[in-house]
All heavy atoms as atom14 arrays in JSON, in Angstrom:
{
  "sequence": "ELAERVAAYGWLLVAVTAASPLLDGSFVEKK",
  "atom14_mask": [
    [1, 1, 1, 1, 1, 1, 1, 1, 1, 0, 0, 0, 0, 0],
    [1, 1, 1, 1, 1, 1, 1, 1, 0, 0, 0, 0, 0, 0],
    [1, 1, 1, 1, 1, 0, 0, 0, 0, 0, 0, 0, 0, 0],
    [1, 1, 1, 1, 1, 1, 1, 1, 1, 0, 0, 0, 0, 0],
    [1, 1, 1, 1, 1, 1, 1, 1, 1, 1, 1, 0, 0, 0],
    [1, 1, 1, 1, 1, 1, 1, 0, 0, 0, 0, 0, 0, 0],
    [1, 1, 1, 1, 1, 0, 0, 0, 0, 0, 0, 0, 0, 0],
    [1, 1, 1, 1, 1, 0, 0, 0, 0, 0, 0, 0, 0, 0],
    [1, 1, 1, 1, 1, 1, 1, 1, 1, 1, 1, 1, 0, 0],
    [1, 1, 1, 1, 0, 0, 0, 0, 0, 0, 0, 0, 0, 0],
    [1, 1, 1, 1, 1, 1, 1, 1, 1, 1, 1, 1, 1, 1],
    [1, 1, 1, 1, 1, 1, 1, 1, 0, 0, 0, 0, 0, 0],
    [1, 1, 1, 1, 1, 1, 1, 1, 0, 0, 0, 0, 0, 0],
    [1, 1, 1, 1, 1, 1, 1, 0, 0, 0, 0, 0, 0, 0],
    [1, 1, 1, 1, 1, 0, 0, 0, 0, 0, 0, 0, 0, 0],
    [1, 1, 1, 1, 1, 1, 1, 0, 0, 0, 0, 0, 0, 0],
    [1, 1, 1, 1, 1, 1, 1, 0, 0, 0, 0, 0, 0, 0],
    [1, 1, 1, 1, 1, 0, 0, 0, 0, 0, 0, 0, 0, 0],
    [1, 1, 1, 1, 1, 0, 0, 0, 0, 0, 0, 0, 0, 0],
    [1, 1, 1, 1, 1, 1, 0, 0, 0, 0, 0, 0, 0, 0],
    [1, 1, 1, 1, 1, 1, 1, 0, 0, 0, 0, 0, 0, 0],
    [1, 1, 1, 1, 1, 1, 1, 1, 0, 0, 0, 0, 0, 0],
    [1, 1, 1, 1, 1, 1, 1, 1, 0, 0, 0, 0, 0, 0],
    [1, 1, 1, 1, 1, 1, 1, 1, 0, 0, 0, 0, 0, 0],
    [1, 1, 1, 1, 0, 0, 0, 0, 0, 0, 0, 0, 0, 0],
    [1, 1, 1, 1, 1, 1, 0, 0, 0, 0, 0, 0, 0, 0],
    [1, 1, 1, 1, 1, 1, 1, 1, 1, 1, 1, 0, 0, 0],
    [1, 1, 1, 1, 1, 1, 1, 0, 0, 0, 0, 0, 0, 0],
    [1, 1, 1, 1, 1, 1, 1, 1, 1, 0, 0, 0, 0, 0],
    [1, 1, 1, 1, 1, 1, 1, 1, 1, 0, 0, 0, 0, 0],
    [1, 1, 1, 1, 1, 1, 1, 1, 1, 0, 0, 0, 0, 0]
  ],
  "atom14_positions": [
    [[-90.63, 1.53, 9.21], [-90.99, 0.12, 9.32], [-90.34, -0.52, 10.55], [-90.94, -1.39, 11.19], [-90.59, -0.63, 8.05], [-91.41, -0.19, 6.83], [-91.07, -0.97, 5.57], [-90.37, -2.0, 5.67], [-91.52, -0.55, 4.48], [0.0, 0.0, 0.0], [0.0, 0.0, 0.0], [0.0, 0.0, 0.0], [0.0, 0.0, 0.0], [0.0, 0.0, 0.0]],
    [[-89.14, -0.08, 10.89], [-88.5, -0.59, 12.1], [-89.28, -0.17, 13.34], [-89.49, -0.98, 14.26], [-87.06, -0.09, 12.18], [-86.27, -0.52, 13.42], [-86.1, -2.04, 13.45], [-84.9, 0.16, 13.45], [0.0, 0.0, 0.0], [0.0, 0.0, 0.0], [0.0, 0.0, 0.0], [0.0, 0.0, 0.0], [0.0, 0.0, 0.0], [0.0, 0.0, 0.0]],
    [[-89.74, 1.08, 13.38], [-90.53, 1.55, 14.52], [-91.79, 0.71, 14.69], [-92.21, 0.4, 15.81], [-90.88, 3.02, 14.34], [0.0, 0.0, 0.0], [0.0, 0.0, 0.0], [0.0, 0.0, 0.0], [0.0, 0.0, 0.0], [0.0, 0.0, 0.0], [0.0, 0.0, 0.0], [0.0, 0.0, 0.0], [0.0, 0.0, 0.0], [0.0, 0.0, 0.0]],
    [[-92.4, 0.36, 13.58], [-93.58, -0.5, 13.61], [-93.25, -1.86, 14.23], [-93.99, -2.37, 15.08], [-94.1, -0.68, 12.19], [-95.33, -1.56, 12.06], [-95.73, -1.75, 10.61], [-94.86, -2.19, 9.8], [-96.88, -1.48, 10.28], [0.0, 0.0, 0.0], [0.0, 0.0, 0.0], [0.0, 0.0, 0.0], [0.0, 0.0, 0.0], [0.0, 0.0, 0.0]],
    [[-92.11, -2.43, 13.83], [-91.71, -3.74, 14.35], [-91.36, -3.66, 15.84], [-91.66, -4.58, 16.61], [-90.51, -4.26, 13.56], [-90.77, -4.44, 12.08], [-91.62, -5.65, 11.78], [-90.83, -6.87, 11.85], [-91.27, -8.04, 12.32], [-92.48, -8.12, 12.79], [-90.49, -9.09, 12.32], [0.0, 0.0, 0.0], [0.0, 0.0, 0.0], [0.0, 0.0, 0.0]],
    [[-90.71, -2.57, 16.24], [-90.35, -2.42, 17.66], [-91.61, -2.22, 18.5], [-91.68, -2.69, 19.64], [-89.36, -1.25, 17.86], [-89.02, -1.1, 19.33], [-88.08, -1.5, 17.06], [0.0, 0.0, 0.0], [0.0, 0.0, 0.0], [0.0, 0.0, 0.0], [0.0, 0.0, 0.0], [0.0, 0.0, 0.0], [0.0, 0.0, 0.0], [0.0, 0.0, 0.0]],
    [[-92.6, -1.53, 17.96], [-93.86, -1.4, 18.68], [-94.48, -2.77, 18.96], [-95.08, -3.0, 20.01], [-94.84, -0.54, 17.88], [0.0, 0.0, 0.0], [0.0, 0.0, 0.0], [0.0, 0.0, 0.0], [0.0, 0.0, 0.0], [0.0, 0.0, 0.0], [0.0, 0.0, 0.0], [0.0, 0.0, 0.0], [0.0, 0.0, 0.0], [0.0, 0.0, 0.0]],
    [[-94.29, -3.7, 18.03], [-94.85, -5.04, 18.19], [-94.03, -5.93, 19.12], [-94.58, -6.8, 19.8], [-94.98, -5.72, 16.82], [0.0, 0.0, 0.0], [0.0, 0.0, 0.0], [0.0, 0.0, 0.0], [0.0, 0.0, 0.0], [0.0, 0.0, 0.0], [0.0, 0.0, 0.0], [0.0, 0.0, 0.0], [0.0, 0.0, 0.0], [0.0, 0.0, 0.0]],
    [[-92.71, -5.7, 19.18], [-91.84, -6.6, 19.94], [-91.03, -5.93, 21.04], [-90.26, -6.58, 21.73], [-90.88, -7.32, 18.98], [-91.55, -8.38, 18.14], [-92.08, -8.08, 16.89], [-91.68, -9.69, 18.6], [-92.72, -9.04, 16.12], [-92.3, -10.66, 17.85], [-92.83, -10.33, 16.61], [-93.46, -11.3, 15.86], [0.0, 0.0, 0.0], [0.0, 0.0, 0.0]],
    [[-91.22, -4.63, 21.23], [-90.43, -3.93, 22.24], [-90.74, -4.33, 23.67], [-89.96, -4.04, 24.58], [0.0, 0.0, 0.0], [0.0, 0.0, 0.0], [0.0, 0.0, 0.0], [0.0, 0.0, 0.0], [0.0, 0.0, 0.0], [0.0, 0.0, 0.0], [0.0, 0.0, 0.0], [0.0, 0.0, 0.0], [0.0, 0.0, 0.0], [0.0, 0.0, 0.0]],
    [[-91.88, -4.99, 23.89], [-92.19, -5.49, 25.22], [-91.07, -6.37, 25.77], [-90.89, -6.47, 27.0], [-93.5, -6.3, 25.2], [-93.5, -7.44, 24.22], [-93.97, -7.43, 22.95], [-92.96, -8.76, 24.43], [-93.77, -8.65, 22.34], [-93.16, -9.49, 23.22], [-92.36, -9.39, 25.51], [-92.76, -10.81, 23.08], [-91.95, -10.71, 25.37], [-92.15, -11.4, 24.17]],
    [[-90.32, -7.0, 24.87], [-89.22, -7.86, 25.3], [-88.2, -7.08, 26.11], [-87.65, -7.59, 27.1], [-88.57, -8.49, 24.07], [-87.53, -9.59, 24.32], [-88.19, -10.85, 24.83], [-86.78, -9.9, 23.03], [0.0, 0.0, 0.0], [0.0, 0.0, 0.0], [0.0, 0.0, 0.0], [0.0, 0.0, 0.0], [0.0, 0.0, 0.0], [0.0, 0.0, 0.0]],
    [[-87.93, -5.84, 25.71], [-86.96, -5.01, 26.43], [-87.48, -4.61, 27.79], [-86.69, -4.46, 28.74], [-86.61, -3.78, 25.59], [-85.89, -4.07, 24.27], [-85.73, -2.8, 23.45], [-84.52, -4.7, 24.53], [0.0, 0.0, 0.0], [0.0, 0.0, 0.0], [0.0, 0.0, 0.0], [0.0, 0.0, 0.0], [0.0, 0.0, 0.0], [0.0, 0.0, 0.0]],
    [[-88.77, -4.42, 27.92], [-89.35, -4.15, 29.24], [-89.12, -5.34, 30.16], [-88.67, -5.2, 31.31], [-90.85, -3.84, 29.14], [-91.46, -3.68, 30.54], [-91.1, -2.59, 28.31], [0.0, 0.0, 0.0], [0.0, 0.0, 0.0], [0.0, 0.0, 0.0], [0.0, 0.0, 0.0], [0.0, 0.0, 0.0], [0.0, 0.0, 0.0], [0.0, 0.0, 0.0]],
    [[-89.39, -6.53, 29.66], [-89.28, -7.74, 30.48], [-87.86, -7.96, 30.98], [-87.66, -8.39, 32.13], [-89.76, -8.95, 29.69], [0.0, 0.0, 0.0], [0.0, 0.0, 0.0], [0.0, 0.0, 0.0], [0.0, 0.0, 0.0], [0.0, 0.0, 0.0], [0.0, 0.0, 0.0], [0.0, 0.0, 0.0], [0.0, 0.0, 0.0], [0.0, 0.0, 0.0]],
    [[-86.86, -7.69, 30.15], [-85.48, -8.01, 30.55], [-84.8, -6.89, 31.33], [-83.74, -7.12, 31.92], [-84.6, -8.4, 29.34], [-85.19, -9.63, 28.65], [-84.42, -7.26, 28.37], [0.0, 0.0, 0.0], [0.0, 0.0, 0.0], [0.0, 0.0, 0.0], [0.0, 0.0, 0.0], [0.0, 0.0, 0.0], [0.0, 0.0, 0.0], [0.0, 0.0, 0.0]],
    [[-85.38, -5.67, 31.34], [-84.72, -4.57, 32.06], [-85.53, -4.04, 33.25], [-85.09, -3.14, 33.94], [-84.41, -3.39, 31.11], [-85.63, -2.86, 30.57], [-83.49, -3.83, 29.98], [0.0, 0.0, 0.0], [0.0, 0.0, 0.0], [0.0, 0.0, 0.0], [0.0, 0.0, 0.0], [0.0, 0.0, 0.0], [0.0, 0.0, 0.0], [0.0, 0.0, 0.0]],
    [[-86.71, -4.59, 33.49], [-87.54, -4.15, 34.62], [-86.78, -4.34, 35.92], [-86.27, -5.43, 36.2], [-88.84, -4.93, 34.64], [0.0, 0.0, 0.0], [0.0, 0.0, 0.0], [0.0, 0.0, 0.0], [0.0, 0.0, 0.0], [0.0, 0.0, 0.0], [0.0, 0.0, 0.0], [0.0, 0.0, 0.0], [0.0, 0.0, 0.0], [0.0, 0.0, 0.0]],
    [[-86.71, -3.28, 36.73], [-85.88, -3.34, 37.95], [-86.44, -2.47, 39.06], [-85.69, -2.0, 39.92], [-84.44, -2.92, 37.62], [0.0, 0.0, 0.0], [0.0, 0.0, 0.0], [0.0, 0.0, 0.0], [0.0, 0.0, 0.0], [0.0, 0.0, 0.0], [0.0, 0.0, 0.0], [0.0, 0.0, 0.0], [0.0, 0.0, 0.0], [0.0, 0.0, 0.0]],
    [[-87.77, -2.24, 39.06], [-88.32, -1.34, 40.08], [-89.6, -1.89, 40.69], [-90.68, -1.34, 40.49], [-88.57, 0.05, 39.45], [-89.37, -0.06, 38.29], [0.0, 0.0, 0.0], [0.0, 0.0, 0.0], [0.0, 0.0, 0.0], [0.0, 0.0, 0.0], [0.0, 0.0, 0.0], [0.0, 0.0, 0.0], [0.0, 0.0, 0.0], [0.0, 0.0, 0.0]],
    [[-89.49, -2.96, 41.47], [-90.68, -3.57, 42.05], [-91.18, -2.91, 43.33], [-92.29, -3.2, 43.77], [-90.23, -5.0, 42.33], [-88.77, -4.85, 42.65], [-88.28, -3.77, 41.73], [0.0, 0.0, 0.0], [0.0, 0.0, 0.0], [0.0, 0.0, 0.0], [0.0, 0.0, 0.0], [0.0, 0.0, 0.0], [0.0, 0.0, 0.0], [0.0, 0.0, 0.0]],
    [[-90.37, -2.04, 43.93], [-90.69, -1.49, 45.26], [-90.95, 0.01, 45.21], [-90.29, 0.75, 44.48], [-89.56, -1.77, 46.25], [-89.21, -3.25, 46.48], [-87.97, -3.36, 47.35], [-90.39, -3.98, 47.12], [0.0, 0.0, 0.0], [0.0, 0.0, 0.0], [0.0, 0.0, 0.0], [0.0, 0.0, 0.0], [0.0, 0.0, 0.0], [0.0, 0.0, 0.0]],
    [[-91.92, 0.45, 46.01], [-92.22, 1.86, 46.21], [-92.23, 2.17, 47.7], [-92.57, 1.31, 48.52], [-93.61, 2.18, 45.67], [-93.8, 2.59, 44.22], [-95.3, 2.69, 43.93], [-93.12, 3.91, 43.92], [0.0, 0.0, 0.0], [0.0, 0.0, 0.0], [0.0, 0.0, 0.0], [0.0, 0.0, 0.0], [0.0, 0.0, 0.0], [0.0, 0.0, 0.0]],
    [[-91.87, 3.39, 48.05], [-92.1, 3.82, 49.42], [-93.57, 4.21, 49.57], [-94.19, 4.73, 48.65], [-91.22, 5.03, 49.77], [-91.37, 5.41, 51.22], [-90.98, 4.6, 52.1], [-91.88, 6.52, 51.51], [0.0, 0.0, 0.0], [0.0, 0.0, 0.0], [0.0, 0.0, 0.0], [0.0, 0.0, 0.0], [0.0, 0.0, 0.0], [0.0, 0.0, 0.0]],
    [[-94.12, 3.97, 50.76], [-95.52, 4.26, 51.01], [-95.9, 5.71, 50.78], [-97.07, 6.01, 50.5], [0.0, 0.0, 0.0], [0.0, 0.0, 0.0], [0.0, 0.0, 0.0], [0.0, 0.0, 0.0], [0.0, 0.0, 0.0], [0.0, 0.0, 0.0], [0.0, 0.0, 0.0], [0.0, 0.0, 0.0], [0.0, 0.0, 0.0], [0.0, 0.0, 0.0]],
    [[-94.95, 6.61, 50.91], [-95.25, 8.03, 50.74], [-95.63, 8.38, 49.31], [-96.18, 9.46, 49.06], [-94.05, 8.88, 51.18], [-92.89, 8.59, 50.42], [0.0, 0.0, 0.0], [0.0, 0.0, 0.0], [0.0, 0.0, 0.0], [0.0, 0.0, 0.0], [0.0, 0.0, 0.0], [0.0, 0.0, 0.0], [0.0, 0.0, 0.0], [0.0, 0.0, 0.0]],
    [[-95.36, 7.5, 48.37], [-95.77, 7.74, 46.98], [-97.28, 7.6, 46.84], [-97.9, 8.27, 46.0], [-95.06, 6.77, 46.04], [-95.31, 7.04, 44.58], [-94.46, 7.87, 43.86], [-96.39, 6.48, 43.91], [-94.67, 8.14, 42.51], [-96.62, 6.74, 42.56], [-95.76, 7.57, 41.86], [0.0, 0.0, 0.0], [0.0, 0.0, 0.0], [0.0, 0.0, 0.0]],
    [[-97.88, 6.72, 47.63], [-99.31, 6.45, 47.48], [-100.14, 7.06, 48.59], [-101.36, 7.22, 48.45], [-99.56, 4.92, 47.42], [-98.97, 4.34, 46.15], [-98.99, 4.21, 48.63], [0.0, 0.0, 0.0], [0.0, 0.0, 0.0], [0.0, 0.0, 0.0], [0.0, 0.0, 0.0], [0.0, 0.0, 0.0], [0.0, 0.0, 0.0], [0.0, 0.0, 0.0]],
    [[-99.51, 7.44, 49.7], [-100.24, 8.07, 50.81], [-99.28, 8.97, 51.58], [-98.19, 8.54, 51.98], [-100.82, 7.01, 51.75], [-101.71, 7.57, 52.83], [-102.34, 6.48, 53.69], [-102.12, 5.28, 53.4], [-103.04, 6.82, 54.64], [0.0, 0.0, 0.0], [0.0, 0.0, 0.0], [0.0, 0.0, 0.0], [0.0, 0.0, 0.0], [0.0, 0.0, 0.0]],
    [[-99.66, 10.21, 51.78], [-98.78, 11.19, 52.4], [-98.34, 10.75, 53.8], [-99.12, 10.21, 54.58], [-99.47, 12.55, 52.49], [-99.61, 13.26, 51.15], [-100.2, 14.65, 51.3], [-100.26, 15.35, 49.94], [-100.84, 16.7, 50.06], [0.0, 0.0, 0.0], [0.0, 0.0, 0.0], [0.0, 0.0, 0.0], [0.0, 0.0, 0.0], [0.0, 0.0, 0.0]],
    [[-97.05, 10.96, 54.04], [-96.41, 10.74, 55.34], [-96.3, 9.27, 55.72], [-95.95, 8.95, 56.87], [-97.12, 11.52, 56.44], [-97.08, 13.03, 56.23], [-97.74, 13.78, 57.38], [-97.68, 15.29, 57.14], [-98.3, 16.04, 58.26], [0.0, 0.0, 0.0], [0.0, 0.0, 0.0], [0.0, 0.0, 0.0], [0.0, 0.0, 0.0], [0.0, 0.0, 0.0]]
  ]
}
């Protein structure tokens, strides 16, 4: 039942710990 509740509200943890807004261009296009 806890897993069910976390599935419904776990988005909150994504919002407060997100820390990766930047990518290097080589991830999307070689070189």
